[in-house]
Amino acid sequence: MLQHNVYFYLQEGLNESDKLEFEKGLKTLLNIPDMISGFIGNPANTPDRPVVDKSYAYGLSTSFTDVKQHDIYQEHPTHLKFVDTCKKYWKEVKVYDVEIIK
């Protein structure tokens, strides 16, 4: 099983409409078939510690049965449309893919 975690750092100066448009686009990714599960969120209000990064604006976490399924998701038209229409909103994206140990 593979956990695909994506962290979006948005451009400075976005207005509420821009943020809502980005969030709307992000939610479309959760409708891509063959994903086991997925969710989006914002940094949690957990206590600050040196190892905790709350500088991102949105996180996306999705689960797939394997790398092949993940790769299909990456090429899905909904994913490609999201990247094309929403890349103007982010300044940086970080991806952390985790293959779950059995």
N, C-alpha and C. Protein backbone atom coordinates (compact mmCIF):
# COMPACT_ATOMS: atom_id res chain seq x y z
N MET A 1 0.84 -1.17 0.00
CA MET A 1 0.00 0.00 0.00
C MET A 1 0.89 1.24 0.00
N LEU A 2 0.40 2.30 -0.65
CA LEU A 2 1.17 3.52 -0.78
C LEU A 2 0.35 4.70 -0.27
N GLN A 3 0.96 5.52 0.56
CA GLN A 3 0.35 6.76 1.06
C GLN A 3 1.03 7.92 0.35
N HIS A 4 0.23 8.73 -0.36
CA HIS A 4 0.73 9.87 -1.14
C HIS A 4 0.31 11.14 -0.40
N ASN A 5 1.31 11.85 0.15
CA ASN A 5 1.06 13.05 0.95
C ASN A 5 1.64 14.26 0.24
N VAL A 6 0.81 15.28 0.03
CA VAL A 6 1.21 16.46 -0.72
C VAL A 6 0.93 17.69 0.13
N TYR A 7 1.92 18.59 0.21
CA TYR A 7 1.78 19.81 1.01
C TYR A 7 1.95 21.01 0.10
N PHE A 8 0.96 21.90 0.13
CA PHE A 8 0.92 23.07 -0.74
C PHE A 8 1.22 24.33 0.06
N TYR A 9 2.18 25.08 -0.43
CA TYR A 9 2.57 26.37 0.14
C TYR A 9 2.09 27.42 -0.86
N LEU A 10 1.08 28.19 -0.48
CA LEU A 10 0.44 29.10 -1.42
C LEU A 10 1.20 30.40 -1.60
N GLN A 11 0.94 31.05 -2.73
CA GLN A 11 1.51 32.37 -3.02
C GLN A 11 1.06 33.37 -1.96
N GLU A 12 1.89 34.33 -1.68
CA GLU A 12 1.52 35.43 -0.79
C GLU A 12 0.50 36.32 -1.49
N GLY A 13 -0.39 36.92 -0.71
CA GLY A 13 -1.31 37.91 -1.25
C GLY A 13 -2.55 37.36 -1.94
N LEU A 14 -2.81 36.06 -1.84
CA LEU A 14 -4.04 35.54 -2.43
C LEU A 14 -5.24 36.05 -1.66
N ASN A 15 -6.32 36.37 -2.37
CA ASN A 15 -7.53 36.80 -1.68
C ASN A 15 -8.39 35.57 -1.35
N GLU A 16 -9.48 35.78 -0.65
CA GLU A 16 -10.33 34.65 -0.23
C GLU A 16 -10.89 33.91 -1.43
N SER A 17 -11.22 34.62 -2.48
CA SER A 17 -11.75 33.99 -3.69
C SER A 17 -10.72 33.05 -4.31
N ASP A 18 -9.47 33.49 -4.35
CA ASP A 18 -8.38 32.64 -4.87
C ASP A 18 -8.24 31.38 -4.03
N LYS A 19 -8.27 31.55 -2.72
CA LYS A 19 -8.11 30.40 -1.81
C LYS A 19 -9.26 29.42 -1.97
N LEU A 20 -10.47 29.95 -2.11
CA LEU A 20 -11.63 29.07 -2.30
C LEU A 20 -11.56 28.34 -3.63
N GLU A 21 -11.08 29.01 -4.66
CA GLU A 21 -10.92 28.38 -5.98
C GLU A 21 -9.88 27.26 -5.90
N PHE A 22 -8.78 27.51 -5.19
CA PHE A 22 -7.76 26.47 -5.01
C PHE A 22 -8.35 25.28 -4.26
N GLU A 23 -9.06 25.55 -3.18
CA GLU A 23 -9.64 24.49 -2.38
C GLU A 23 -10.66 23.69 -3.19
N LYS A 24 -11.45 24.37 -3.99
CA LYS A 24 -12.42 23.70 -4.87
C LYS A 24 -11.69 22.74 -5.82
N GLY A 25 -10.60 23.21 -6.41
CA GLY A 25 -9.81 22.36 -7.30
C GLY A 25 -9.21 21.18 -6.57
N LEU A 26 -8.72 21.42 -5.38
CA LEU A 26 -8.12 20.36 -4.57
C LEU A 26 -9.14 19.26 -4.27
N LYS A 27 -10.35 19.66 -3.98
CA LYS A 27 -11.40 18.68 -3.66
C LYS A 27 -11.73 17.78 -4.85
N THR A 28 -11.51 18.27 -6.07
CA THR A 28 -11.81 17.43 -7.24
C THR A 28 -10.92 16.20 -7.27
N LEU A 29 -9.73 16.30 -6.70
CA LEU A 29 -8.80 15.16 -6.70
C LEU A 29 -9.35 13.98 -5.92
N LEU A 30 -10.22 14.24 -4.96
CA LEU A 30 -10.77 13.17 -4.13
C LEU A 30 -11.79 12.32 -4.88
N ASN A 31 -12.18 12.76 -6.08
CA ASN A 31 -13.15 12.02 -6.89
C ASN A 31 -12.50 11.13 -7.94
N ILE A 32 -11.19 11.10 -7.97
CA ILE A 32 -10.50 10.26 -8.95
C ILE A 32 -10.68 8.80 -8.54
N PRO A 33 -11.13 7.95 -9.48
CA PRO A 33 -11.38 6.55 -9.13
C PRO A 33 -10.10 5.78 -8.78
N ASP A 34 -10.29 4.65 -8.16
CA ASP A 34 -9.23 3.70 -7.80
C ASP A 34 -8.40 4.14 -6.60
N MET A 35 -8.75 5.25 -5.99
CA MET A 35 -8.08 5.67 -4.76
C MET A 35 -8.76 4.93 -3.60
N ILE A 36 -7.98 4.41 -2.69
CA ILE A 36 -8.57 3.74 -1.53
C ILE A 36 -9.26 4.75 -0.63
N SER A 37 -8.56 5.83 -0.34
CA SER A 37 -9.13 6.89 0.49
C SER A 37 -8.33 8.17 0.28
N GLY A 38 -8.91 9.28 0.70
CA GLY A 38 -8.21 10.54 0.58
C GLY A 38 -8.90 11.63 1.38
N PHE A 39 -8.14 12.64 1.74
CA PHE A 39 -8.70 13.79 2.43
C PHE A 39 -7.78 14.99 2.23
N ILE A 40 -8.35 16.18 2.43
CA ILE A 40 -7.56 17.40 2.41
C ILE A 40 -7.73 18.08 3.77
N GLY A 41 -6.78 18.93 4.12
CA GLY A 41 -6.88 19.64 5.39
C GLY A 41 -5.86 20.76 5.48
N ASN A 42 -5.93 21.46 6.59
CA ASN A 42 -5.01 22.55 6.91
C ASN A 42 -4.15 22.13 8.09
N PRO A 43 -3.08 22.85 8.38
CA PRO A 43 -2.24 22.48 9.52
C PRO A 43 -3.07 22.38 10.81
N ALA A 44 -2.83 21.33 11.54
CA ALA A 44 -3.56 21.11 12.80
C ALA A 44 -3.05 22.05 13.88
N ASN A 45 -3.91 22.35 14.81
CA ASN A 45 -3.57 23.25 15.91
C ASN A 45 -2.92 22.47 17.06
N THR A 46 -1.90 21.70 16.71
CA THR A 46 -1.16 20.94 17.72
C THR A 46 -0.09 21.84 18.33
N PRO A 47 0.43 21.48 19.49
CA PRO A 47 1.48 22.32 20.10
C PRO A 47 2.69 22.47 19.18
N ASP A 48 3.28 23.65 19.19
CA ASP A 48 4.49 23.90 18.41
C ASP A 48 5.66 23.13 19.01
N ARG A 49 6.42 22.48 18.11
CA ARG A 49 7.64 21.78 18.48
C ARG A 49 8.61 21.99 17.35
N PRO A 50 9.88 21.86 17.59
CA PRO A 50 10.88 22.08 16.52
C PRO A 50 10.68 21.19 15.29
N VAL A 51 10.09 20.03 15.45
CA VAL A 51 9.94 19.10 14.32
C VAL A 51 8.63 19.27 13.56
N VAL A 52 7.75 20.15 14.01
CA VAL A 52 6.44 20.34 13.39
C VAL A 52 6.49 21.50 12.41
N ASP A 53 6.06 21.24 11.16
CA ASP A 53 6.00 22.27 10.12
C ASP A 53 4.54 22.64 9.89
N LYS A 54 4.18 23.86 10.25
CA LYS A 54 2.83 24.36 10.01
C LYS A 54 2.83 25.47 8.96
N SER A 55 3.89 25.55 8.17
CA SER A 55 4.01 26.64 7.22
C SER A 55 3.27 26.38 5.90
N TYR A 56 2.78 25.17 5.70
CA TYR A 56 2.01 24.88 4.49
C TYR A 56 0.57 25.38 4.68
N ALA A 57 -0.14 25.55 3.58
CA ALA A 57 -1.52 26.03 3.64
C ALA A 57 -2.53 24.88 3.60
N TYR A 58 -2.26 23.88 2.74
CA TYR A 58 -3.15 22.74 2.58
C TYR A 58 -2.34 21.47 2.47
N GLY A 59 -2.91 20.40 3.00
CA GLY A 59 -2.33 19.08 2.83
C GLY A 59 -3.34 18.17 2.15
N LEU A 60 -2.83 17.29 1.31
CA LEU A 60 -3.64 16.28 0.65
C LEU A 60 -3.02 14.94 0.98
N SER A 61 -3.84 14.01 1.44
CA SER A 61 -3.35 12.67 1.74
C SER A 61 -4.24 11.66 1.04
N THR A 62 -3.63 10.80 0.22
CA THR A 62 -4.38 9.78 -0.51
C THR A 62 -3.70 8.43 -0.33
N SER A 63 -4.50 7.38 -0.42
CA SER A 63 -3.99 6.01 -0.28
C SER A 63 -4.28 5.23 -1.55
N PHE A 64 -3.29 4.43 -1.95
CA PHE A 64 -3.41 3.58 -3.14
C PHE A 64 -2.93 2.17 -2.79
N THR A 65 -3.42 1.20 -3.54
CA THR A 65 -2.99 -0.17 -3.27
C THR A 65 -1.52 -0.38 -3.61
N ASP A 66 -1.04 0.34 -4.65
CA ASP A 66 0.35 0.16 -5.07
C ASP A 66 0.81 1.35 -5.92
N VAL A 67 2.06 1.33 -6.33
CA VAL A 67 2.64 2.41 -7.13
C VAL A 67 1.93 2.52 -8.48
N LYS A 68 1.54 1.40 -9.07
CA LYS A 68 0.85 1.42 -10.36
C LYS A 68 -0.44 2.23 -10.26
N GLN A 69 -1.20 2.01 -9.22
CA GLN A 69 -2.44 2.75 -9.02
C GLN A 69 -2.15 4.24 -8.82
N HIS A 70 -1.11 4.54 -8.08
CA HIS A 70 -0.68 5.93 -7.88
C HIS A 70 -0.33 6.58 -9.22
N ASP A 71 0.38 5.85 -10.07
CA ASP A 71 0.80 6.40 -11.36
C ASP A 71 -0.40 6.68 -12.26
N ILE A 72 -1.42 5.84 -12.19
CA ILE A 72 -2.66 6.07 -12.95
C ILE A 72 -3.31 7.36 -12.46
N TYR A 73 -3.35 7.56 -11.16
CA TYR A 73 -3.90 8.78 -10.56
C TYR A 73 -3.15 10.01 -11.08
N GLN A 74 -1.84 9.93 -11.16
CA GLN A 74 -1.02 11.06 -11.60
C GLN A 74 -1.36 11.49 -13.03
N GLU A 75 -1.75 10.56 -13.87
CA GLU A 75 -2.06 10.86 -15.28
C GLU A 75 -3.54 11.04 -15.54
N HIS A 76 -4.36 10.92 -14.50
CA HIS A 76 -5.81 11.07 -14.68
C HIS A 76 -6.13 12.50 -15.13
N PRO A 77 -7.08 12.68 -16.06
CA PRO A 77 -7.43 14.02 -16.54
C PRO A 77 -7.81 15.01 -15.43
N THR A 78 -8.45 14.55 -14.38
CA THR A 78 -8.81 15.43 -13.26
C THR A 78 -7.57 15.95 -12.57
N HIS A 79 -6.58 15.09 -12.38
CA HIS A 79 -5.33 15.51 -11.75
C HIS A 79 -4.59 16.50 -12.64
N LEU A 80 -4.51 16.20 -13.92
CA LEU A 80 -3.82 17.09 -14.85
C LEU A 80 -4.51 18.45 -14.93
N LYS A 81 -5.85 18.46 -14.91
CA LYS A 81 -6.59 19.72 -14.93
C LYS A 81 -6.33 20.52 -13.67
N PHE A 82 -6.30 19.84 -12.51
CA PHE A 82 -6.01 20.52 -11.25
C PHE A 82 -4.65 21.22 -11.31
N VAL A 83 -3.64 20.51 -11.75
CA VAL A 83 -2.30 21.09 -11.84
C VAL A 83 -2.31 22.29 -12.78
N ASP A 84 -2.94 22.12 -13.93
CA ASP A 84 -2.95 23.19 -14.92
C ASP A 84 -3.68 24.44 -14.43
N THR A 85 -4.81 24.27 -13.76
CA THR A 85 -5.61 25.43 -13.35
C THR A 85 -5.23 25.99 -12.00
N CYS A 86 -4.58 25.22 -11.15
CA CYS A 86 -4.31 25.68 -9.78
C CYS A 86 -2.84 25.96 -9.49
N LYS A 87 -1.94 25.64 -10.40
CA LYS A 87 -0.51 25.87 -10.13
C LYS A 87 -0.20 27.34 -9.91
N LYS A 88 -1.03 28.22 -10.42
CA LYS A 88 -0.82 29.66 -10.23
C LYS A 88 -0.99 30.09 -8.77
N TYR A 89 -1.63 29.24 -7.96
CA TYR A 89 -1.88 29.59 -6.57
C TYR A 89 -0.75 29.18 -5.62
N TRP A 90 0.09 28.23 -6.02
CA TRP A 90 1.11 27.78 -5.08
C TRP A 90 2.50 28.31 -5.46
N LYS A 91 3.31 28.47 -4.41
CA LYS A 91 4.71 28.85 -4.63
C LYS A 91 5.60 27.63 -4.50
N GLU A 92 5.11 26.61 -3.79
CA GLU A 92 5.90 25.40 -3.59
C GLU A 92 4.96 24.24 -3.25
N VAL A 93 5.37 23.06 -3.67
CA VAL A 93 4.66 21.83 -3.34
C VAL A 93 5.69 20.81 -2.89
N LYS A 94 5.38 20.11 -1.82
CA LYS A 94 6.25 19.03 -1.34
C LYS A 94 5.44 17.75 -1.31
N VAL A 95 6.05 16.67 -1.79
CA VAL A 95 5.39 15.38 -1.82
C VAL A 95 6.20 14.39 -1.00
N TYR A 96 5.50 13.65 -0.15
CA TYR A 96 6.11 12.60 0.65
C TYR A 96 5.29 11.33 0.41
N ASP A 97 5.84 10.42 -0.38
CA ASP A 97 5.19 9.15 -0.65
C ASP A 97 5.77 8.10 0.28
N VAL A 98 4.89 7.35 0.90
CA VAL A 98 5.30 6.33 1.87
C VAL A 98 4.74 4.99 1.44
N GLU A 99 5.64 4.03 1.24
CA GLU A 99 5.21 2.67 0.97
C GLU A 99 5.10 1.97 2.32
N ILE A 100 3.92 1.48 2.61
CA ILE A 100 3.64 0.92 3.93
C ILE A 100 4.31 -0.44 4.08
N ILE A 101 5.03 -0.61 5.18
CA ILE A 101 5.72 -1.86 5.48
C ILE A 101 4.72 -2.85 6.04
N LYS A 102 4.75 -4.05 5.50
CA LYS A 102 3.83 -5.10 5.96
C LYS A 102 4.44 -5.90 7.08
